[in-house]
Amino acid sequence: MELFRFIVTAGTSEIPVVAVAENEEAAFRVVDRELDHTLLKLPQIDHIALMQKKSISKKGSGFAILPRERFE
């Protein structure tokens, strides 16, 4: 399993999404599903960008979620 970090752009909003999946294709499906389940009214999604990807080890794995301008 791998840990994926995405930025979803919807109009002027950016939504950070973290997904655990076997591969990138499955991770994008997880992002779609989580947006459907989390947001009361789904906005027009402009872009879904994969920002980071890490293998999950037995000791765990994680991301620090920083504002976008901090790492670009």
PDB file of N, CA and C in Angstrom:
ATOM      1  N   MET A   1       0.842  -1.178   0.000  1.00  0.00           N
ATOM      2  CA  MET A   1       0.000   0.000   0.000  1.00  0.00           C
ATOM      3  C   MET A   1       0.886   1.240   0.000  1.00  0.00           C
ATOM      4  N   GLU A   2       0.322   2.296  -0.570  1.00  0.00           N
ATOM      5  CA  GLU A   2       1.047   3.559  -0.628  1.00  0.00           C
ATOM      6  C   GLU A   2       0.152   4.693  -0.134  1.00  0.00           C
ATOM      7  N   LEU A   3       0.808   5.748   0.320  1.00  0.00           N
ATOM      8  CA  LEU A   3       0.134   6.935   0.823  1.00  0.00           C
ATOM      9  C   LEU A   3       0.301   8.034  -0.222  1.00  0.00           C
ATOM     10  N   PHE A   4      -0.811   8.656  -0.624  1.00  0.00           N
ATOM     11  CA  PHE A   4      -0.802   9.680  -1.663  1.00  0.00           C
ATOM     12  C   PHE A   4      -1.361  10.975  -1.100  1.00  0.00           C
ATOM     13  N   ARG A   5      -0.770  12.093  -1.508  1.00  0.00           N
ATOM     14  CA  ARG A   5      -1.273  13.412  -1.113  1.00  0.00           C
ATOM     15  C   ARG A   5      -1.646  14.179  -2.372  1.00  0.00           C
ATOM     16  N   PHE A   6      -2.865  14.676  -2.402  1.00  0.00           N
ATOM     17  CA  PHE A   6      -3.404  15.393  -3.553  1.00  0.00           C
ATOM     18  C   PHE A   6      -3.806  16.806  -3.163  1.00  0.00           C
ATOM     19  N   ILE A   7      -3.840  17.685  -4.157  1.00  0.00           N
ATOM     20  CA  ILE A   7      -4.475  18.993  -4.049  1.00  0.00           C
ATOM     21  C   ILE A   7      -5.594  19.004  -5.089  1.00  0.00           C
ATOM     22  N   VAL A   8      -6.817  19.223  -4.628  1.00  0.00           N
ATOM     23  CA  VAL A   8      -7.975  19.315  -5.516  1.00  0.00           C
ATOM     24  C   VAL A   8      -8.320  20.793  -5.658  1.00  0.00           C
ATOM     25  N   THR A   9      -8.352  21.284  -6.900  1.00  0.00           N
ATOM     26  CA  THR A   9      -8.689  22.676  -7.171  1.00  0.00           C
ATOM     27  C   THR A   9     -10.136  22.748  -7.647  1.00  0.00           C
ATOM     28  N   ALA A  10     -10.907  23.578  -6.945  1.00  0.00           N
ATOM     29  CA  ALA A  10     -12.316  23.783  -7.286  1.00  0.00           C
ATOM     30  C   ALA A  10     -12.577  25.285  -7.222  1.00  0.00           C
ATOM     31  N   GLY A  11     -12.578  25.935  -8.380  1.00  0.00           N
ATOM     32  CA  GLY A  11     -12.728  27.392  -8.406  1.00  0.00           C
ATOM     33  C   GLY A  11     -11.524  28.038  -7.748  1.00  0.00           C
ATOM     34  N   THR A  12     -11.767  28.847  -6.732  1.00  0.00           N
ATOM     35  CA  THR A  12     -10.663  29.502  -6.019  1.00  0.00           C
ATOM     36  C   THR A  12     -10.239  28.721  -4.779  1.00  0.00           C
ATOM     37  N   SER A  13     -10.861  27.579  -4.535  1.00  0.00           N
ATOM     38  CA  SER A  13     -10.544  26.766  -3.352  1.00  0.00           C
ATOM     39  C   SER A  13      -9.580  25.641  -3.694  1.00  0.00           C
ATOM     40  N   GLU A  14      -8.746  25.306  -2.731  1.00  0.00           N
ATOM     41  CA  GLU A  14      -7.878  24.138  -2.834  1.00  0.00           C
ATOM     42  C   GLU A  14      -8.171  23.236  -1.648  1.00  0.00           C
ATOM     43  N   ILE A  15      -8.389  21.960  -1.932  1.00  0.00           N
ATOM     44  CA  ILE A  15      -8.743  20.993  -0.902  1.00  0.00           C
ATOM     45  C   ILE A  15      -7.641  19.946  -0.840  1.00  0.00           C
ATOM     46  N   PRO A  16      -6.921  19.839   0.290  1.00  0.00           N
ATOM     47  CA  PRO A  16      -5.936  18.768   0.414  1.00  0.00           C
ATOM     48  C   PRO A  16      -6.655  17.451   0.696  1.00  0.00           C
ATOM     49  N   VAL A  17      -6.240  16.389   0.001  1.00  0.00           N
ATOM     50  CA  VAL A  17      -6.832  15.064   0.202  1.00  0.00           C
ATOM     51  C   VAL A  17      -5.694  14.059   0.317  1.00  0.00           C
ATOM     52  N   VAL A  18      -5.778  13.181   1.309  1.00  0.00           N
ATOM     53  CA  VAL A  18      -4.800  12.108   1.498  1.00  0.00           C
ATOM     54  C   VAL A  18      -5.522  10.790   1.264  1.00  0.00           C
ATOM     55  N   ALA A  19      -4.894   9.882   0.496  1.00  0.00           N
ATOM     56  CA  ALA A  19      -5.508   8.591   0.176  1.00  0.00           C
ATOM     57  C   ALA A  19      -4.493   7.471   0.374  1.00  0.00           C
ATOM     58  N   VAL A  20      -4.988   6.315   0.768  1.00  0.00           N
ATOM     59  CA  VAL A  20      -4.182   5.096   0.853  1.00  0.00           C
ATOM     60  C   VAL A  20      -4.722   4.150  -0.208  1.00  0.00           C
ATOM     61  N   ALA A  21      -3.825   3.662  -1.083  1.00  0.00           N
ATOM     62  CA  ALA A  21      -4.259   2.780  -2.164  1.00  0.00           C
ATOM     63  C   ALA A  21      -3.076   1.954  -2.663  1.00  0.00           C
ATOM     64  N   GLU A  22      -3.387   0.971  -3.497  1.00  0.00           N
ATOM     65  CA  GLU A  22      -2.357   0.096  -4.073  1.00  0.00           C
ATOM     66  C   GLU A  22      -1.554   0.790  -5.174  1.00  0.00           C
ATOM     67  N   ASN A  23      -2.212   1.706  -5.932  1.00  0.00           N
ATOM     68  CA  ASN A  23      -1.537   2.366  -7.050  1.00  0.00           C
ATOM     69  C   ASN A  23      -2.187   3.731  -7.296  1.00  0.00           C
ATOM     70  N   GLU A  24      -1.619   4.493  -8.230  1.00  0.00           N
ATOM     71  CA  GLU A  24      -2.111   5.850  -8.501  1.00  0.00           C
ATOM     72  C   GLU A  24      -3.548   5.855  -9.014  1.00  0.00           C
ATOM     73  N   GLU A  25      -3.874   4.935  -9.896  1.00  0.00           N
ATOM     74  CA  GLU A  25      -5.233   4.881 -10.446  1.00  0.00           C
ATOM     75  C   GLU A  25      -6.262   4.672  -9.331  1.00  0.00           C
ATOM     76  N   ALA A  26      -5.977   3.743  -8.440  1.00  0.00           N
ATOM     77  CA  ALA A  26      -6.882   3.488  -7.315  1.00  0.00           C
ATOM     78  C   ALA A  26      -6.937   4.696  -6.380  1.00  0.00           C
ATOM     79  N   ALA A  27      -5.823   5.391  -6.216  1.00  0.00           N
ATOM     80  CA  ALA A  27      -5.786   6.569  -5.341  1.00  0.00           C
ATOM     81  C   ALA A  27      -6.681   7.681  -5.885  1.00  0.00           C
ATOM     82  N   PHE A  28      -6.684   7.888  -7.199  1.00  0.00           N
ATOM     83  CA  PHE A  28      -7.568   8.899  -7.788  1.00  0.00           C
ATOM     84  C   PHE A  28      -9.037   8.531  -7.556  1.00  0.00           C
ATOM     85  N   ARG A  29      -9.365   7.234  -7.621  1.00  0.00           N
ATOM     86  CA  ARG A  29     -10.738   6.802  -7.337  1.00  0.00           C
ATOM     87  C   ARG A  29     -11.101   7.073  -5.877  1.00  0.00           C
ATOM     88  N   VAL A  30     -10.144   6.855  -4.972  1.00  0.00           N
ATOM     89  CA  VAL A  30     -10.374   7.144  -3.551  1.00  0.00           C
ATOM     90  C   VAL A  30     -10.658   8.633  -3.365  1.00  0.00           C
ATOM     91  N   VAL A  31      -9.887   9.487  -4.035  1.00  0.00           N
ATOM     92  CA  VAL A  31     -10.100  10.937  -3.931  1.00  0.00           C
ATOM     93  C   VAL A  31     -11.520  11.293  -4.376  1.00  0.00           C
ATOM     94  N   ASP A  32     -11.950  10.775  -5.516  1.00  0.00           N
ATOM     95  CA  ASP A  32     -13.311  11.046  -6.001  1.00  0.00           C
ATOM     96  C   ASP A  32     -14.354  10.606  -4.976  1.00  0.00           C
ATOM     97  N   ARG A  33     -14.176   9.418  -4.436  1.00  0.00           N
ATOM     98  CA  ARG A  33     -15.135   8.883  -3.465  1.00  0.00           C
ATOM     99  C   ARG A  33     -15.172   9.727  -2.193  1.00  0.00           C
ATOM    100  N   GLU A  34     -13.995  10.118  -1.699  1.00  0.00           N
ATOM    101  CA  GLU A  34     -13.937  10.912  -0.470  1.00  0.00           C
ATOM    102  C   GLU A  34     -14.557  12.295  -0.652  1.00  0.00           C
ATOM    103  N   LEU A  35     -14.356  12.900  -1.812  1.00  0.00           N
ATOM    104  CA  LEU A  35     -14.989  14.195  -2.076  1.00  0.00           C
ATOM    105  C   LEU A  35     -16.510  14.053  -2.085  1.00  0.00           C
ATOM    106  N   ASP A  36     -17.007  12.987  -2.714  1.00  0.00           N
ATOM    107  CA  ASP A  36     -18.453  12.740  -2.741  1.00  0.00           C
ATOM    108  C   ASP A  36     -19.015  12.562  -1.334  1.00  0.00           C
ATOM    109  N   HIS A  37     -18.288  11.854  -0.475  1.00  0.00           N
ATOM    110  CA  HIS A  37     -18.775  11.552   0.877  1.00  0.00           C
ATOM    111  C   HIS A  37     -18.570  12.698   1.860  1.00  0.00           C
ATOM    112  N   THR A  38     -17.595  13.556   1.616  1.00  0.00           N
ATOM    113  CA  THR A  38     -17.227  14.590   2.579  1.00  0.00           C
ATOM    114  C   THR A  38     -17.965  15.903   2.354  1.00  0.00           C
ATOM    115  N   LEU A  39     -18.129  16.288   1.102  1.00  0.00           N
ATOM    116  CA  LEU A  39     -18.714  17.596   0.793  1.00  0.00           C
ATOM    117  C   LEU A  39     -20.220  17.488   0.600  1.00  0.00           C
ATOM    118  N   LEU A  40     -20.953  18.363   1.254  1.00  0.00           N
ATOM    119  CA  LEU A  40     -22.408  18.364   1.151  1.00  0.00           C
ATOM    120  C   LEU A  40     -22.850  18.649  -0.284  1.00  0.00           C
ATOM    121  N   LYS A  41     -22.239  19.669  -0.886  1.00  0.00           N
ATOM    122  CA  LYS A  41     -22.509  19.998  -2.289  1.00  0.00           C
ATOM    123  C   LYS A  41     -21.179  19.942  -3.027  1.00  0.00           C
ATOM    124  N   LEU A  42     -21.058  19.009  -3.949  1.00  0.00           N
ATOM    125  CA  LEU A  42     -19.806  18.829  -4.683  1.00  0.00           C
ATOM    126  C   LEU A  42     -19.594  20.002  -5.638  1.00  0.00           C
ATOM    127  N   PRO A  43     -18.478  20.748  -5.472  1.00  0.00           N
ATOM    128  CA  PRO A  43     -18.211  21.869  -6.381  1.00  0.00           C
ATOM    129  C   PRO A  43     -17.705  21.364  -7.731  1.00  0.00           C
ATOM    130  N   GLN A  44     -17.612  22.263  -8.685  1.00  0.00           N
ATOM    131  CA  GLN A  44     -17.011  21.939  -9.979  1.00  0.00           C
ATOM    132  C   GLN A  44     -15.519  21.733  -9.753  1.00  0.00           C
ATOM    133  N   ILE A  45     -15.031  20.524  -9.974  1.00  0.00           N
ATOM    134  CA  ILE A  45     -13.616  20.205  -9.786  1.00  0.00           C
ATOM    135  C   ILE A  45     -12.865  20.613 -11.048  1.00  0.00           C
ATOM    136  N   ASP A  46     -11.876  21.490 -10.891  1.00  0.00           N
ATOM    137  CA  ASP A  46     -11.079  21.949 -12.026  1.00  0.00           C
ATOM    138  C   ASP A  46      -9.872  21.054 -12.274  1.00  0.00           C
ATOM    139  N   HIS A  47      -9.261  20.573 -11.181  1.00  0.00           N
ATOM    140  CA  HIS A  47      -8.010  19.832 -11.332  1.00  0.00           C
ATOM    141  C   HIS A  47      -7.747  19.000 -10.080  1.00  0.00           C
ATOM    142  N   ILE A  48      -7.216  17.801 -10.275  1.00  0.00           N
ATOM    143  CA  ILE A  48      -6.749  16.969  -9.163  1.00  0.00           C
ATOM    144  C   ILE A  48      -5.275  16.690  -9.430  1.00  0.00           C
ATOM    145  N   ALA A  49      -4.416  17.175  -8.537  1.00  0.00           N
ATOM    146  CA  ALA A  49      -2.969  17.033  -8.727  1.00  0.00           C
ATOM    147  C   ALA A  49      -2.380  16.132  -7.647  1.00  0.00           C
ATOM    148  N   LEU A  50      -1.635  15.123  -8.081  1.00  0.00           N
ATOM    149  CA  LEU A  50      -0.893  14.270  -7.157  1.00  0.00           C
ATOM    150  C   LEU A  50       0.376  15.015  -6.761  1.00  0.00           C
ATOM    151  N   MET A  51       0.529  15.314  -5.476  1.00  0.00           N
ATOM    152  CA  MET A  51       1.654  16.109  -4.996  1.00  0.00           C
ATOM    153  C   MET A  51       2.778  15.250  -4.418  1.00  0.00           C
ATOM    154  N   GLN A  52       2.424  14.196  -3.680  1.00  0.00           N
ATOM    155  CA  GLN A  52       3.427  13.335  -3.060  1.00  0.00           C
ATOM    156  C   GLN A  52       2.922  11.906  -3.023  1.00  0.00           C
ATOM    157  N   LYS A  53       3.878  10.983  -2.979  1.00  0.00           N
ATOM    158  CA  LYS A  53       3.564   9.562  -2.909  1.00  0.00           C
ATOM    159  C   LYS A  53       4.637   8.904  -2.054  1.00  0.00           C
ATOM    160  N   LYS A  54       4.220   8.071  -1.084  1.00  0.00           N
ATOM    161  CA  LYS A  54       5.161   7.377  -0.204  1.00  0.00           C
ATOM    162  C   LYS A  54       4.697   5.949   0.011  1.00  0.00           C
ATOM    163  N   SER A  55       5.656   5.037   0.102  1.00  0.00           N
ATOM    164  CA  SER A  55       5.330   3.673   0.507  1.00  0.00           C
ATOM    165  C   SER A  55       5.057   3.666   2.001  1.00  0.00           C
ATOM    166  N   ILE A  56       4.114   2.843   2.415  1.00  0.00           N
ATOM    167  CA  ILE A  56       3.800   2.730   3.834  1.00  0.00           C
ATOM    168  C   ILE A  56       4.612   1.575   4.407  1.00  0.00           C
ATOM    169  N   SER A  57       5.458   1.885   5.383  1.00  0.00           N
ATOM    170  CA  SER A  57       6.271   0.854   6.027  1.00  0.00           C
ATOM    171  C   SER A  57       5.552   0.339   7.264  1.00  0.00           C
ATOM    172  N   LYS A  58       6.113  -0.693   7.881  1.00  0.00           N
ATOM    173  CA  LYS A  58       5.515  -1.242   9.104  1.00  0.00           C
ATOM    174  C   LYS A  58       5.518  -0.228  10.235  1.00  0.00           C
ATOM    175  N   LYS A  59       6.447   0.720  10.186  1.00  0.00           N
ATOM    176  CA  LYS A  59       6.517   1.750  11.222  1.00  0.00           C
ATOM    177  C   LYS A  59       5.562   2.902  10.940  1.00  0.00           C
ATOM    178  N   GLY A  60       4.950   2.914   9.753  1.00  0.00           N
ATOM    179  CA  GLY A  60       4.007   3.973   9.398  1.00  0.00           C
ATOM    180  C   GLY A  60       4.589   4.938   8.386  1.00  0.00           C
ATOM    181  N   SER A  61       3.775   5.864   7.968  1.00  0.00           N
ATOM    182  CA  SER A  61       4.172   6.873   6.994  1.00  0.00           C
ATOM    183  C   SER A  61       3.226   8.058   7.148  1.00  0.00           C
ATOM    184  N   GLY A  62       3.687   9.238   6.783  1.00  0.00           N
ATOM    185  CA  GLY A  62       2.835  10.409   6.925  1.00  0.00           C
ATOM    186  C   GLY A  62       3.318  11.572   6.080  1.00  0.00           C
ATOM    187  N   PHE A  63       2.508  12.615   6.050  1.00  0.00           N
ATOM    188  CA  PHE A  63       2.825  13.853   5.352  1.00  0.00           C
ATOM    189  C   PHE A  63       2.574  15.017   6.291  1.00  0.00           C
ATOM    190  N   ALA A  64       3.379  16.048   6.179  1.00  0.00           N
ATOM    191  CA  ALA A  64       3.079  17.329   6.814  1.00  0.00           C
ATOM    192  C   ALA A  64       2.340  18.148   5.763  1.00  0.00           C
ATOM    193  N   ILE A  65       1.137  18.583   6.074  1.00  0.00           N
ATOM    194  CA  ILE A  65       0.329  19.352   5.128  1.00  0.00           C
ATOM    195  C   ILE A  65       0.631  20.833   5.342  1.00  0.00           C
ATOM    196  N   LEU A  66       1.383  21.417   4.413  1.00  0.00           N
ATOM    197  CA  LEU A  66       1.770  22.825   4.486  1.00  0.00           C
ATOM    198  C   LEU A  66       0.979  23.625   3.459  1.00  0.00           C
ATOM    199  N   PRO A  67       0.844  24.939   3.672  1.00  0.00           N
ATOM    200  CA  PRO A  67       0.211  25.766   2.635  1.00  0.00           C
ATOM    201  C   PRO A  67       0.957  25.604   1.311  1.00  0.00           C
ATOM    202  N   ARG A  68       0.242  25.640   0.215  1.00  0.00           N
ATOM    203  CA  ARG A  68       0.790  25.357  -1.114  1.00  0.00           C
ATOM    204  C   ARG A  68       2.033  26.181  -1.439  1.00  0.00           C
ATOM    205  N   GLU A  69       2.038  27.467  -1.139  1.00  0.00           N
ATOM    206  CA  GLU A  69       3.170  28.310  -1.509  1.00  0.00           C
ATOM    207  C   GLU A  69       4.446  27.945  -0.751  1.00  0.00           C
ATOM    208  N   ARG A  70       4.331  27.175   0.309  1.00  0.00           N
ATOM    209  CA  ARG A  70       5.502  26.802   1.102  1.00  0.00           C
ATOM    210  C   ARG A  70       6.411  25.800   0.386  1.00  0.00           C
ATOM    211  N   PHE A  71       5.868  24.981  -0.509  1.00  0.00           N
ATOM    212  CA  PHE A  71       6.691  23.954  -1.133  1.00  0.00           C
ATOM    213  C   PHE A  71       6.810  24.106  -2.636  1.00  0.00           C
ATOM    214  N   GLU A  72       6.227  25.143  -3.236  1.00  0.00           N
ATOM    215  CA  GLU A  72       6.358  25.326  -4.685  1.00  0.00           C
ATOM    216  C   GLU A  72       7.420  26.346  -4.993  1.00  0.00           C
TER     217      GLU A  72
END
